[in-house]
Amino acid sequence: MSMTKSFQMDIVTPDKTALSREVTSLVVPAAEGYLGVLANHAPMMAELMPGRIQIKEPNGKKAIIVVSGGFMEVKDNKVSILAESVDYIEEASVADFSGLDMRKAEEALKEAKKRLAEL
């Protein structure tokens, strides 16, 4: 039986460490498109766009973190993400979106529909 390799991931906002845990994979919304990170990834820095970070933990559990954008550093089997704001959605099902600001999400949806109608 093979063990999946994991690495440390920390997500930090200006006022706190939002999340700190061992993960086996990470997919982030980088400026040039989505980027995957596994254990022992080469050192790098990347600008992050607003979007969803998908994480997978050693126990197989998956989660989504919504970030406002920011920066990611990968170095020495550790990922550090600096973001202005973070929303955490455990197990990423529709029922778990209660942690998000639904009013803001509904306003953004309304604005997007309005812009589409103007095209």
PDB file of N, CA and C in Angstrom:
ATOM      1  N   MET A   1       0.835  -1.175   0.000  1.00  0.00           N
ATOM      2  CA  MET A   1       0.000   0.000   0.000  1.00  0.00           C
ATOM      3  C   MET A   1       0.887   1.249   0.000  1.00  0.00           C
ATOM      4  N   SER A   2       0.667   2.163  -0.969  1.00  0.00           N
ATOM      5  CA  SER A   2       1.525   3.342  -1.053  1.00  0.00           C
ATOM      6  C   SER A   2       0.933   4.497  -0.271  1.00  0.00           C
ATOM      7  N   MET A   3       1.810   5.246   0.345  1.00  0.00           N
ATOM      8  CA  MET A   3       1.376   6.428   1.084  1.00  0.00           C
ATOM      9  C   MET A   3       1.418   7.633   0.146  1.00  0.00           C
ATOM     10  N   THR A   4       0.358   8.413   0.142  1.00  0.00           N
ATOM     11  CA  THR A   4       0.340   9.630  -0.649  1.00  0.00           C
ATOM     12  C   THR A   4       1.158  10.684   0.078  1.00  0.00           C
ATOM     13  N   LYS A   5       2.039  11.339  -0.658  1.00  0.00           N
ATOM     14  CA  LYS A   5       2.879  12.358  -0.042  1.00  0.00           C
ATOM     15  C   LYS A   5       2.077  13.633   0.180  1.00  0.00           C
ATOM     16  N   SER A   6       2.341  14.263   1.307  1.00  0.00           N
ATOM     17  CA  SER A   6       1.637  15.501   1.632  1.00  0.00           C
ATOM     18  C   SER A   6       2.640  16.624   1.844  1.00  0.00           C
ATOM     19  N   PHE A   7       2.103  17.839   1.957  1.00  0.00           N
ATOM     20  CA  PHE A   7       2.925  19.011   2.209  1.00  0.00           C
ATOM     21  C   PHE A   7       2.120  20.010   3.026  1.00  0.00           C
ATOM     22  N   GLN A   8       2.809  20.950   3.628  1.00  0.00           N
ATOM     23  CA  GLN A   8       2.174  21.963   4.468  1.00  0.00           C
ATOM     24  C   GLN A   8       1.622  23.085   3.600  1.00  0.00           C
ATOM     25  N   MET A   9       0.378  23.515   3.883  1.00  0.00           N
ATOM     26  CA  MET A   9      -0.230  24.646   3.194  1.00  0.00           C
ATOM     27  C   MET A   9      -0.726  25.637   4.240  1.00  0.00           C
ATOM     28  N   ASP A  10      -0.330  26.907   4.096  1.00  0.00           N
ATOM     29  CA  ASP A  10      -0.792  27.972   4.984  1.00  0.00           C
ATOM     30  C   ASP A  10      -1.416  29.066   4.135  1.00  0.00           C
ATOM     31  N   ILE A  11      -2.609  29.515   4.520  1.00  0.00           N
ATOM     32  CA  ILE A  11      -3.252  30.649   3.862  1.00  0.00           C
ATOM     33  C   ILE A  11      -3.373  31.755   4.900  1.00  0.00           C
ATOM     34  N   VAL A  12      -2.776  32.895   4.578  1.00  0.00           N
ATOM     35  CA  VAL A  12      -2.699  34.010   5.527  1.00  0.00           C
ATOM     36  C   VAL A  12      -3.387  35.240   4.939  1.00  0.00           C
ATOM     37  N   THR A  13      -4.216  35.900   5.756  1.00  0.00           N
ATOM     38  CA  THR A  13      -4.834  37.174   5.384  1.00  0.00           C
ATOM     39  C   THR A  13      -4.172  38.256   6.231  1.00  0.00           C
ATOM     40  N   PRO A  14      -4.452  39.538   5.973  1.00  0.00           N
ATOM     41  CA  PRO A  14      -3.802  40.585   6.764  1.00  0.00           C
ATOM     42  C   PRO A  14      -4.028  40.468   8.278  1.00  0.00           C
ATOM     43  N   ASP A  15      -5.153  39.877   8.698  1.00  0.00           N
ATOM     44  CA  ASP A  15      -5.424  39.828  10.135  1.00  0.00           C
ATOM     45  C   ASP A  15      -5.292  38.459  10.786  1.00  0.00           C
ATOM     46  N   LYS A  16      -5.050  37.381  10.026  1.00  0.00           N
ATOM     47  CA  LYS A  16      -4.941  36.067  10.672  1.00  0.00           C
ATOM     48  C   LYS A  16      -4.395  34.997   9.723  1.00  0.00           C
ATOM     49  N   THR A  17      -4.058  33.854  10.306  1.00  0.00           N
ATOM     50  CA  THR A  17      -3.785  32.666   9.503  1.00  0.00           C
ATOM     51  C   THR A  17      -5.135  31.992   9.305  1.00  0.00           C
ATOM     52  N   ALA A  18      -5.649  32.032   8.082  1.00  0.00           N
ATOM     53  CA  ALA A  18      -6.990  31.533   7.798  1.00  0.00           C
ATOM     54  C   ALA A  18      -7.045  30.014   7.795  1.00  0.00           C
ATOM     55  N   LEU A  19      -5.963  29.376   7.355  1.00  0.00           N
ATOM     56  CA  LEU A  19      -5.961  27.925   7.259  1.00  0.00           C
ATOM     57  C   LEU A  19      -4.517  27.435   7.301  1.00  0.00           C
ATOM     58  N   SER A  20      -4.270  26.369   8.047  1.00  0.00           N
ATOM     59  CA  SER A  20      -2.944  25.775   8.122  1.00  0.00           C
ATOM     60  C   SER A  20      -3.137  24.274   8.261  1.00  0.00           C
ATOM     61  N   ARG A  21      -2.750  23.511   7.241  1.00  0.00           N
ATOM     62  CA  ARG A  21      -2.940  22.060   7.313  1.00  0.00           C
ATOM     63  C   ARG A  21      -2.086  21.325   6.297  1.00  0.00           C
ATOM     64  N   GLU A  22      -1.988  20.016   6.502  1.00  0.00           N
ATOM     65  CA  GLU A  22      -1.309  19.143   5.553  1.00  0.00           C
ATOM     66  C   GLU A  22      -2.272  18.818   4.424  1.00  0.00           C
ATOM     67  N   VAL A  23      -1.808  18.907   3.184  1.00  0.00           N
ATOM     68  CA  VAL A  23      -2.623  18.565   2.024  1.00  0.00           C
ATOM     69  C   VAL A  23      -1.816  17.684   1.081  1.00  0.00           C
ATOM     70  N   THR A  24      -2.519  16.963   0.193  1.00  0.00           N
ATOM     71  CA  THR A  24      -1.819  16.138  -0.796  1.00  0.00           C
ATOM     72  C   THR A  24      -1.836  16.769  -2.177  1.00  0.00           C
ATOM     73  N   SER A  25      -2.803  17.670  -2.427  1.00  0.00           N
ATOM     74  CA  SER A  25      -2.809  18.394  -3.691  1.00  0.00           C
ATOM     75  C   SER A  25      -3.549  19.704  -3.534  1.00  0.00           C
ATOM     76  N   LEU A  26      -3.268  20.589  -4.458  1.00  0.00           N
ATOM     77  CA  LEU A  26      -3.779  21.941  -4.410  1.00  0.00           C
ATOM     78  C   LEU A  26      -3.939  22.415  -5.848  1.00  0.00           C
ATOM     79  N   VAL A  27      -5.067  23.046  -6.177  1.00  0.00           N
ATOM     80  CA  VAL A  27      -5.252  23.670  -7.486  1.00  0.00           C
ATOM     81  C   VAL A  27      -5.644  25.114  -7.220  1.00  0.00           C
ATOM     82  N   VAL A  28      -4.855  26.048  -7.764  1.00  0.00           N
ATOM     83  CA  VAL A  28      -5.055  27.473  -7.480  1.00  0.00           C
ATOM     84  C   VAL A  28      -5.344  28.251  -8.761  1.00  0.00           C
ATOM     85  N   PRO A  29      -6.101  29.371  -8.628  1.00  0.00           N
ATOM     86  CA  PRO A  29      -6.388  30.214  -9.790  1.00  0.00           C
ATOM     87  C   PRO A  29      -5.251  31.209 -10.042  1.00  0.00           C
ATOM     88  N   ALA A  30      -4.194  30.752 -10.717  1.00  0.00           N
ATOM     89  CA  ALA A  30      -3.049  31.620 -10.991  1.00  0.00           C
ATOM     90  C   ALA A  30      -3.385  32.593 -12.120  1.00  0.00           C
ATOM     91  N   ALA A  31      -2.591  33.640 -12.237  1.00  0.00           N
ATOM     92  CA  ALA A  31      -2.835  34.678 -13.237  1.00  0.00           C
ATOM     93  C   ALA A  31      -2.863  34.115 -14.664  1.00  0.00           C
ATOM     94  N   GLU A  32      -2.094  33.086 -14.927  1.00  0.00           N
ATOM     95  CA  GLU A  32      -2.029  32.501 -16.272  1.00  0.00           C
ATOM     96  C   GLU A  32      -2.933  31.285 -16.441  1.00  0.00           C
ATOM     97  N   GLY A  33      -3.783  31.003 -15.466  1.00  0.00           N
ATOM     98  CA  GLY A  33      -4.670  29.837 -15.522  1.00  0.00           C
ATOM     99  C   GLY A  33      -4.513  29.001 -14.264  1.00  0.00           C
ATOM    100  N   TYR A  34      -5.324  27.968 -14.146  1.00  0.00           N
ATOM    101  CA  TYR A  34      -5.258  27.134 -12.940  1.00  0.00           C
ATOM    102  C   TYR A  34      -3.953  26.362 -12.893  1.00  0.00           C
ATOM    103  N   LEU A  35      -3.401  26.230 -11.688  1.00  0.00           N
ATOM    104  CA  LEU A  35      -2.097  25.625 -11.483  1.00  0.00           C
ATOM    105  C   LEU A  35      -2.208  24.565 -10.395  1.00  0.00           C
ATOM    106  N   GLY A  36      -1.681  23.380 -10.641  1.00  0.00           N
ATOM    107  CA  GLY A  36      -1.706  22.306  -9.661  1.00  0.00           C
ATOM    108  C   GLY A  36      -0.395  22.198  -8.918  1.00  0.00           C
ATOM    109  N   VAL A  37      -0.480  21.839  -7.643  1.00  0.00           N
ATOM    110  CA  VAL A  37       0.715  21.660  -6.812  1.00  0.00           C
ATOM    111  C   VAL A  37       0.597  20.327  -6.092  1.00  0.00           C
ATOM    112  N   LEU A  38       1.655  19.525  -6.171  1.00  0.00           N
ATOM    113  CA  LEU A  38       1.756  18.260  -5.440  1.00  0.00           C
ATOM    114  C   LEU A  38       2.996  18.331  -4.550  1.00  0.00           C
ATOM    115  N   ALA A  39       3.197  17.322  -3.711  1.00  0.00           N
ATOM    116  CA  ALA A  39       4.372  17.273  -2.839  1.00  0.00           C
ATOM    117  C   ALA A  39       5.642  17.357  -3.675  1.00  0.00           C
ATOM    118  N   ASN A  40       6.671  17.969  -3.109  1.00  0.00           N
ATOM    119  CA  ASN A  40       7.989  18.117  -3.731  1.00  0.00           C
ATOM    120  C   ASN A  40       7.967  18.936  -5.016  1.00  0.00           C
ATOM    121  N   HIS A  41       7.021  19.865  -5.136  1.00  0.00           N
ATOM    122  CA  HIS A  41       6.942  20.747  -6.295  1.00  0.00           C
ATOM    123  C   HIS A  41       8.172  21.645  -6.325  1.00  0.00           C
ATOM    124  N   ALA A  42       8.594  22.031  -7.512  1.00  0.00           N
ATOM    125  CA  ALA A  42       9.729  22.942  -7.665  1.00  0.00           C
ATOM    126  C   ALA A  42       9.389  24.299  -7.040  1.00  0.00           C
ATOM    127  N   PRO A  43      10.384  24.988  -6.500  1.00  0.00           N
ATOM    128  CA  PRO A  43      10.127  26.314  -5.920  1.00  0.00           C
ATOM    129  C   PRO A  43       9.547  27.265  -6.973  1.00  0.00           C
ATOM    130  N   MET A  44       8.585  28.079  -6.569  1.00  0.00           N
ATOM    131  CA  MET A  44       7.995  29.042  -7.494  1.00  0.00           C
ATOM    132  C   MET A  44       7.208  30.096  -6.737  1.00  0.00           C
ATOM    133  N   MET A  45       6.905  31.174  -7.452  1.00  0.00           N
ATOM    134  CA  MET A  45       6.005  32.224  -6.948  1.00  0.00           C
ATOM    135  C   MET A  45       4.959  32.424  -8.032  1.00  0.00           C
ATOM    136  N   ALA A  46       3.713  32.706  -7.629  1.00  0.00           N
ATOM    137  CA  ALA A  46       2.651  32.941  -8.608  1.00  0.00           C
ATOM    138  C   ALA A  46       1.665  33.968  -8.073  1.00  0.00           C
ATOM    139  N   GLU A  47       1.190  34.811  -8.968  1.00  0.00           N
ATOM    140  CA  GLU A  47       0.108  35.731  -8.615  1.00  0.00           C
ATOM    141  C   GLU A  47      -1.194  34.955  -8.717  1.00  0.00           C
ATOM    142  N   LEU A  48      -2.087  35.145  -7.750  1.00  0.00           N
ATOM    143  CA  LEU A  48      -3.372  34.454  -7.765  1.00  0.00           C
ATOM    144  C   LEU A  48      -4.483  35.434  -8.132  1.00  0.00           C
ATOM    145  N   MET A  49      -5.419  34.950  -8.924  1.00  0.00           N
ATOM    146  CA  MET A  49      -6.594  35.719  -9.297  1.00  0.00           C
ATOM    147  C   MET A  49      -7.710  35.382  -8.306  1.00  0.00           C
ATOM    148  N   PRO A  50      -8.745  36.219  -8.226  1.00  0.00           N
ATOM    149  CA  PRO A  50      -9.891  35.842  -7.396  1.00  0.00           C
ATOM    150  C   PRO A  50     -10.482  34.532  -7.918  1.00  0.00           C
ATOM    151  N   GLY A  51     -10.783  33.603  -7.036  1.00  0.00           N
ATOM    152  CA  GLY A  51     -11.330  32.324  -7.474  1.00  0.00           C
ATOM    153  C   GLY A  51     -11.267  31.271  -6.390  1.00  0.00           C
ATOM    154  N   ARG A  52     -11.405  30.011  -6.844  1.00  0.00           N
ATOM    155  CA  ARG A  52     -11.494  28.879  -5.922  1.00  0.00           C
ATOM    156  C   ARG A  52     -10.189  28.097  -5.878  1.00  0.00           C
ATOM    157  N   ILE A  53      -9.730  27.834  -4.658  1.00  0.00           N
ATOM    158  CA  ILE A  53      -8.589  26.949  -4.448  1.00  0.00           C
ATOM    159  C   ILE A  53      -9.166  25.604  -4.034  1.00  0.00           C
ATOM    160  N   GLN A  54      -8.797  24.559  -4.747  1.00  0.00           N
ATOM    161  CA  GLN A  54      -9.271  23.220  -4.416  1.00  0.00           C
ATOM    162  C   GLN A  54      -8.159  22.494  -3.669  1.00  0.00           C
ATOM    163  N   ILE A  55      -8.499  21.947  -2.507  1.00  0.00           N
ATOM    164  CA  ILE A  55      -7.492  21.201  -1.755  1.00  0.00           C
ATOM    165  C   ILE A  55      -7.967  19.768  -1.537  1.00  0.00           C
ATOM    166  N   LYS A  56      -6.999  18.871  -1.442  1.00  0.00           N
ATOM    167  CA  LYS A  56      -7.290  17.484  -1.102  1.00  0.00           C
ATOM    168  C   LYS A  56      -6.378  17.127   0.063  1.00  0.00           C
ATOM    169  N   GLU A  57      -6.982  16.584   1.110  1.00  0.00           N
ATOM    170  CA  GLU A  57      -6.240  16.243   2.319  1.00  0.00           C
ATOM    171  C   GLU A  57      -5.782  14.783   2.268  1.00  0.00           C
ATOM    172  N   PRO A  58      -4.809  14.406   3.122  1.00  0.00           N
ATOM    173  CA  PRO A  58      -4.317  13.032   3.131  1.00  0.00           C
ATOM    174  C   PRO A  58      -5.412  11.983   3.350  1.00  0.00           C
ATOM    175  N   ASN A  59      -6.495  12.338   4.050  1.00  0.00           N
ATOM    176  CA  ASN A  59      -7.579  11.377   4.292  1.00  0.00           C
ATOM    177  C   ASN A  59      -8.552  11.284   3.116  1.00  0.00           C
ATOM    178  N   GLY A  60      -8.261  12.012   2.015  1.00  0.00           N
ATOM    179  CA  GLY A  60      -9.109  11.969   0.830  1.00  0.00           C
ATOM    180  C   GLY A  60     -10.186  13.035   0.803  1.00  0.00           C
ATOM    181  N   LYS A  61     -10.373  13.723   1.922  1.00  0.00           N
ATOM    182  CA  LYS A  61     -11.385  14.776   2.002  1.00  0.00           C
ATOM    183  C   LYS A  61     -10.999  15.943   1.091  1.00  0.00           C
ATOM    184  N   LYS A  62     -12.002  16.515   0.411  1.00  0.00           N
ATOM    185  CA  LYS A  62     -11.759  17.653  -0.472  1.00  0.00           C
ATOM    186  C   LYS A  62     -12.478  18.881   0.075  1.00  0.00           C
ATOM    187  N   ALA A  63     -11.922  20.039  -0.182  1.00  0.00           N
ATOM    188  CA  ALA A  63     -12.539  21.289   0.258  1.00  0.00           C
ATOM    189  C   ALA A  63     -12.208  22.383  -0.739  1.00  0.00           C
ATOM    190  N   ILE A  64     -12.975  23.454  -0.667  1.00  0.00           N
ATOM    191  CA  ILE A  64     -12.774  24.613  -1.531  1.00  0.00           C
ATOM    192  C   ILE A  64     -12.519  25.834  -0.644  1.00  0.00           C
ATOM    193  N   ILE A  65     -11.560  26.640  -1.051  1.00  0.00           N
ATOM    194  CA  ILE A  65     -11.302  27.906  -0.396  1.00  0.00           C
ATOM    195  C   ILE A  65     -11.466  28.972  -1.475  1.00  0.00           C
ATOM    196  N   VAL A  66     -12.292  29.970  -1.224  1.00  0.00           N
ATOM    197  CA  VAL A  66     -12.487  31.053  -2.174  1.00  0.00           C
ATOM    198  C   VAL A  66     -11.611  32.218  -1.726  1.00  0.00           C
ATOM    199  N   VAL A  67     -10.715  32.664  -2.630  1.00  0.00           N
ATOM    200  CA  VAL A  67      -9.813  33.762  -2.287  1.00  0.00           C
ATOM    201  C   VAL A  67     -10.083  34.979  -3.167  1.00  0.00           C
ATOM    202  N   SER A  68      -9.685  36.129  -2.652  1.00  0.00           N
ATOM    203  CA  SER A  68      -9.880  37.391  -3.351  1.00  0.00           C
ATOM    204  C   SER A  68      -8.747  37.673  -4.333  1.00  0.00           C
ATOM    205  N   GLY A  69      -7.814  36.752  -4.454  1.00  0.00           N
ATOM    206  CA  GLY A  69      -6.588  36.984  -5.215  1.00  0.00           C
ATOM    207  C   GLY A  69      -5.442  37.041  -4.222  1.00  0.00           C
ATOM    208  N   GLY A  70      -4.243  37.238  -4.702  1.00  0.00           N
ATOM    209  CA  GLY A  70      -3.099  37.317  -3.811  1.00  0.00           C
ATOM    210  C   GLY A  70      -1.861  36.718  -4.438  1.00  0.00           C
ATOM    211  N   PHE A  71      -1.027  36.081  -3.610  1.00  0.00           N
ATOM    212  CA  PHE A  71       0.219  35.500  -4.083  1.00  0.00           C
ATOM    213  C   PHE A  71       0.448  34.150  -3.417  1.00  0.00           C
ATOM    214  N   MET A  72       1.150  33.261  -4.129  1.00  0.00           N
ATOM    215  CA  MET A  72       1.480  31.944  -3.606  1.00  0.00           C
ATOM    216  C   MET A  72       2.977  31.718  -3.770  1.00  0.00           C
ATOM    217  N   GLU A  73       3.586  31.174  -2.717  1.00  0.00           N
ATOM    218  CA  GLU A  73       4.981  30.766  -2.787  1.00  0.00           C
ATOM    219  C   GLU A  73       5.048  29.283  -2.489  1.00  0.00           C
ATOM    220  N   VAL A  74       5.785  28.551  -3.333  1.00  0.00           N
ATOM    221  CA  VAL A  74       6.036  27.129  -3.107  1.00  0.00           C
ATOM    222  C   VAL A  74       7.534  26.994  -2.859  1.00  0.00           C
ATOM    223  N   LYS A  75       7.899  26.444  -1.688  1.00  0.00           N
ATOM    224  CA  LYS A  75       9.320  26.329  -1.342  1.00  0.00           C
ATOM    225  C   LYS A  75       9.482  25.286  -0.250  1.00  0.00           C
ATOM    226  N   ASP A  76      10.432  24.389  -0.408  1.00  0.00           N
ATOM    227  CA  ASP A  76      10.766  23.384   0.606  1.00  0.00           C
ATOM    228  C   ASP A  76       9.545  22.586   1.076  1.00  0.00           C
ATOM    229  N   ASN A  77       8.741  22.120   0.125  1.00  0.00           N
ATOM    230  CA  ASN A  77       7.563  21.292   0.419  1.00  0.00           C
ATOM    231  C   ASN A  77       6.547  22.015   1.307  1.00  0.00           C
ATOM    232  N   LYS A  78       6.466  23.336   1.129  1.00  0.00           N
ATOM    233  CA  LYS A  78       5.502  24.152   1.853  1.00  0.00           C
ATOM    234  C   LYS A  78       4.916  25.178   0.890  1.00  0.00           C
ATOM    235  N   VAL A  79       3.599  25.378   0.978  1.00  0.00           N
ATOM    236  CA  VAL A  79       2.919  26.389   0.168  1.00  0.00           C
ATOM    237  C   VAL A  79       2.392  27.468   1.104  1.00  0.00           C
ATOM    238  N   SER A  80       2.752  28.708   0.801  1.00  0.00           N
ATOM    239  CA  SER A  80       2.254  29.859   1.556  1.00  0.00           C
ATOM    240  C   SER A  80       1.427  30.703   0.605  1.00  0.00           C
ATOM    241  N   ILE A  81       0.186  30.973   0.995  1.00  0.00           N
ATOM    242  CA  ILE A  81      -0.697  31.794   0.175  1.00  0.00           C
ATOM    243  C   ILE A  81      -1.050  33.041   0.981  1.00  0.00           C
ATOM    244  N   LEU A  82      -0.828  34.195   0.375  1.00  0.00           N
ATOM    245  CA  LEU A  82      -1.185  35.471   0.988  1.00  0.00           C
ATOM    246  C   LEU A  82      -2.389  35.995   0.229  1.00  0.00           C
ATOM    247  N   ALA A  83      -3.505  36.229   0.925  1.00  0.00           N
ATOM    248  CA  ALA A  83      -4.731  36.687   0.278  1.00  0.00           C
ATOM    249  C   ALA A  83      -5.369  37.790   1.102  1.00  0.00           C
ATOM    250  N   GLU A  84      -6.061  38.697   0.438  1.00  0.00           N
ATOM    251  CA  GLU A  84      -6.758  39.781   1.127  1.00  0.00           C
ATOM    252  C   GLU A  84      -7.926  39.236   1.946  1.00  0.00           C
ATOM    253  N   SER A  85      -8.684  38.285   1.362  1.00  0.00           N
ATOM    254  CA  SER A  85      -9.798  37.677   2.097  1.00  0.00           C
ATOM    255  C   SER A  85      -9.987  36.233   1.659  1.00  0.00           C
ATOM    256  N   VAL A  86     -10.603  35.437   2.549  1.00  0.00           N
ATOM    257  CA  VAL A  86     -10.778  34.003   2.326  1.00  0.00           C
ATOM    258  C   VAL A  86     -12.151  33.575   2.823  1.00  0.00           C
ATOM    259  N   ASP A  87     -12.831  32.740   2.035  1.00  0.00           N
ATOM    260  CA  ASP A  87     -14.039  32.046   2.486  1.00  0.00           C
ATOM    261  C   ASP A  87     -13.753  30.562   2.354  1.00  0.00           C
ATOM    262  N   TYR A  88     -14.087  29.782   3.371  1.00  0.00           N
ATOM    263  CA  TYR A  88     -13.782  28.354   3.391  1.00  0.00           C
ATOM    264  C   TYR A  88     -15.063  27.548   3.251  1.00  0.00           C
ATOM    265  N   ILE A  89     -15.073  26.641   2.302  1.00  0.00           N
ATOM    266  CA  ILE A  89     -16.247  25.800   2.078  1.00  0.00           C
ATOM    267  C   ILE A  89     -15.825  24.347   2.254  1.00  0.00           C
ATOM    268  N   GLU A  90     -16.220  23.745   3.350  1.00  0.00           N
ATOM    269  CA  GLU A  90     -15.910  22.344   3.640  1.00  0.00           C
ATOM    270  C   GLU A  90     -16.657  21.449   2.654  1.00  0.00           C
ATOM    271  N   GLU A  91     -16.019  20.486   2.073  1.00  0.00           N
ATOM    272  CA  GLU A  91     -16.669  19.489   1.205  1.00  0.00           C
ATOM    273  C   GLU A  91     -17.480  20.066   0.052  1.00  0.00           C
ATOM    274  N   ALA A  92     -17.301  21.329  -0.261  1.00  0.00           N
ATOM    275  CA  ALA A  92     -17.794  21.984  -1.477  1.00  0.00           C
ATOM    276  C   ALA A  92     -19.109  21.521  -2.089  1.00  0.00           C
ATOM    277  N   SER A  93     -20.111  21.229  -1.288  1.00  0.00           N
ATOM    278  CA  SER A  93     -21.421  20.962  -1.866  1.00  0.00           C
ATOM    279  C   SER A  93     -22.256  22.231  -1.767  1.00  0.00           C
ATOM    280  N   VAL A  94     -23.334  22.315  -2.513  1.00  0.00           N
ATOM    281  CA  VAL A  94     -24.156  23.523  -2.522  1.00  0.00           C
ATOM    282  C   VAL A  94     -24.626  23.881  -1.115  1.00  0.00           C
ATOM    283  N   ALA A  95     -24.938  22.903  -0.303  1.00  0.00           N
ATOM    284  CA  ALA A  95     -25.422  23.149   1.061  1.00  0.00           C
ATOM    285  C   ALA A  95     -24.361  23.838   1.920  1.00  0.00           C
ATOM    286  N   ASP A  96     -23.088  23.741   1.528  1.00  0.00           N
ATOM    287  CA  ASP A  96     -22.008  24.299   2.329  1.00  0.00           C
ATOM    288  C   ASP A  96     -21.652  25.738   1.974  1.00  0.00           C
ATOM    289  N   PHE A  97     -22.422  26.369   1.097  1.00  0.00           N
ATOM    290  CA  PHE A  97     -22.110  27.734   0.718  1.00  0.00           C
ATOM    291  C   PHE A  97     -22.601  28.752   1.738  1.00  0.00           C
ATOM    292  N   SER A  98     -23.176  28.307   2.866  1.00  0.00           N
ATOM    293  CA  SER A  98     -23.724  29.213   3.868  1.00  0.00           C
ATOM    294  C   SER A  98     -22.658  30.111   4.482  1.00  0.00           C
ATOM    295  N   GLY A  99     -21.385  29.703   4.420  1.00  0.00           N
ATOM    296  CA  GLY A  99     -20.317  30.529   4.968  1.00  0.00           C
ATOM    297  C   GLY A  99     -20.006  31.744   4.108  1.00  0.00           C
ATOM    298  N   LEU A 100     -20.491  31.769   2.872  1.00  0.00           N
ATOM    299  CA  LEU A 100     -20.243  32.894   1.987  1.00  0.00           C
ATOM    300  C   LEU A 100     -21.254  33.997   2.233  1.00  0.00           C
ATOM    301  N   ASP A 101     -20.914  35.183   1.831  1.00  0.00           N
ATOM    302  CA  ASP A 101     -21.851  36.299   1.918  1.00  0.00           C
ATOM    303  C   ASP A 101     -22.814  36.185   0.739  1.00  0.00           C
ATOM    304  N   MET A 102     -23.983  35.601   0.982  1.00  0.00           N
ATOM    305  CA  MET A 102     -24.929  35.338  -0.102  1.00  0.00           C
ATOM    306  C   MET A 102     -25.447  36.639  -0.713  1.00  0.00           C
ATOM    307  N   ARG A 103     -25.556  37.683   0.070  1.00  0.00           N
ATOM    308  CA  ARG A 103     -26.027  38.965  -0.468  1.00  0.00           C
ATOM    309  C   ARG A 103     -25.062  39.468  -1.538  1.00  0.00           C
ATOM    310  N   LYS A 104     -23.768  39.418  -1.235  1.00  0.00           N
ATOM    311  CA  LYS A 104     -22.761  39.845  -2.216  1.00  0.00           C
ATOM    312  C   LYS A 104     -22.800  38.952  -3.455  1.00  0.00           C
ATOM    313  N   ALA A 105     -22.940  37.651  -3.247  1.00  0.00           N
ATOM    314  CA  ALA A 105     -22.983  36.716  -4.375  1.00  0.00           C
ATOM    315  C   ALA A 105     -24.191  36.981  -5.258  1.00  0.00           C
ATOM    316  N   GLU A 106     -25.348  37.239  -4.633  1.00  0.00           N
ATOM    317  CA  GLU A 106     -26.565  37.524  -5.412  1.00  0.00           C
ATOM    318  C   GLU A 106     -26.441  38.839  -6.171  1.00  0.00           C
ATOM    319  N   GLU A 107     -25.822  39.851  -5.559  1.00  0.00           N
ATOM    320  CA  GLU A 107     -25.608  41.129  -6.242  1.00  0.00           C
ATOM    321  C   GLU A 107     -24.682  40.951  -7.444  1.00  0.00           C
ATOM    322  N   ALA A 108     -23.625  40.163  -7.266  1.00  0.00           N
ATOM    323  CA  ALA A 108     -22.689  39.910  -8.368  1.00  0.00           C
ATOM    324  C   ALA A 108     -23.386  39.173  -9.512  1.00  0.00           C
ATOM    325  N   LEU A 109     -24.237  38.201  -9.167  1.00  0.00           N
ATOM    326  CA  LEU A 109     -24.979  37.460 -10.189  1.00  0.00           C
ATOM    327  C   LEU A 109     -25.909  38.394 -10.947  1.00  0.00           C
ATOM    328  N   LYS A 110     -26.619  39.258 -10.222  1.00  0.00           N
ATOM    329  CA  LYS A 110     -27.547  40.215 -10.839  1.00  0.00           C
ATOM    330  C   LYS A 110     -26.784  41.135 -11.799  1.00  0.00           C
ATOM    331  N   GLU A 111     -25.627  41.623 -11.357  1.00  0.00           N
ATOM    332  CA  GLU A 111     -24.803  42.506 -12.187  1.00  0.00           C
ATOM    333  C   GLU A 111     -24.305  41.779 -13.441  1.00  0.00           C
ATOM    334  N   ALA A 112     -23.890  40.521 -13.284  1.00  0.00           N
ATOM    335  CA  ALA A 112     -23.423  39.749 -14.431  1.00  0.00           C
ATOM    336  C   ALA A 112     -24.538  39.528 -15.439  1.00  0.00           C
ATOM    337  N   LYS A 113     -25.749  39.209 -14.952  1.00  0.00           N
ATOM    338  CA  LYS A 113     -26.899  39.032 -15.861  1.00  0.00           C
ATOM    339  C   LYS A 113     -27.228  40.331 -16.586  1.00  0.00           C
ATOM    340  N   LYS A 114     -27.128  41.460 -15.878  1.00  0.00           N
ATOM    341  CA  LYS A 114     -27.397  42.766 -16.477  1.00  0.00           C
ATOM    342  C   LYS A 114     -26.395  43.046 -17.611  1.00  0.00           C
ATOM    343  N   ARG A 115     -25.117  42.761 -17.346  1.00  0.00           N
ATOM    344  CA  ARG A 115     -24.074  42.987 -18.366  1.00  0.00           C
ATOM    345  C   ARG A 115     -24.306  42.077 -19.571  1.00  0.00           C
ATOM    346  N   LEU A 116     -24.682  40.835 -19.337  1.00  0.00           N
ATOM    347  CA  LEU A 116     -24.963  39.918 -20.448  1.00  0.00           C
ATOM    348  C   LEU A 116     -26.129  40.418 -21.293  1.00  0.00           C
ATOM    349  N   ALA A 117     -27.155  40.939 -20.646  1.00  0.00           N
ATOM    350  CA  ALA A 117     -28.328  41.440 -21.371  1.00  0.00           C
ATOM    351  C   ALA A 117     -27.975  42.649 -22.231  1.00  0.00           C
ATOM    352  N   GLU A 118     -26.947  43.397 -21.828  1.00  0.00           N
ATOM    353  CA  GLU A 118     -26.536  44.582 -22.600  1.00  0.00           C
ATOM    354  C   GLU A 118     -25.695  44.228 -23.809  1.00  0.00           C
ATOM    355  N   LEU A 119     -25.232  43.014 -23.928  1.00  0.00           N
ATOM    356  CA  LEU A 119     -24.388  42.607 -25.064  1.00  0.00           C
ATOM    357  C   LEU A 119     -25.170  42.465 -26.345  1.00  0.00           C
TER     358      LEU A 119
END
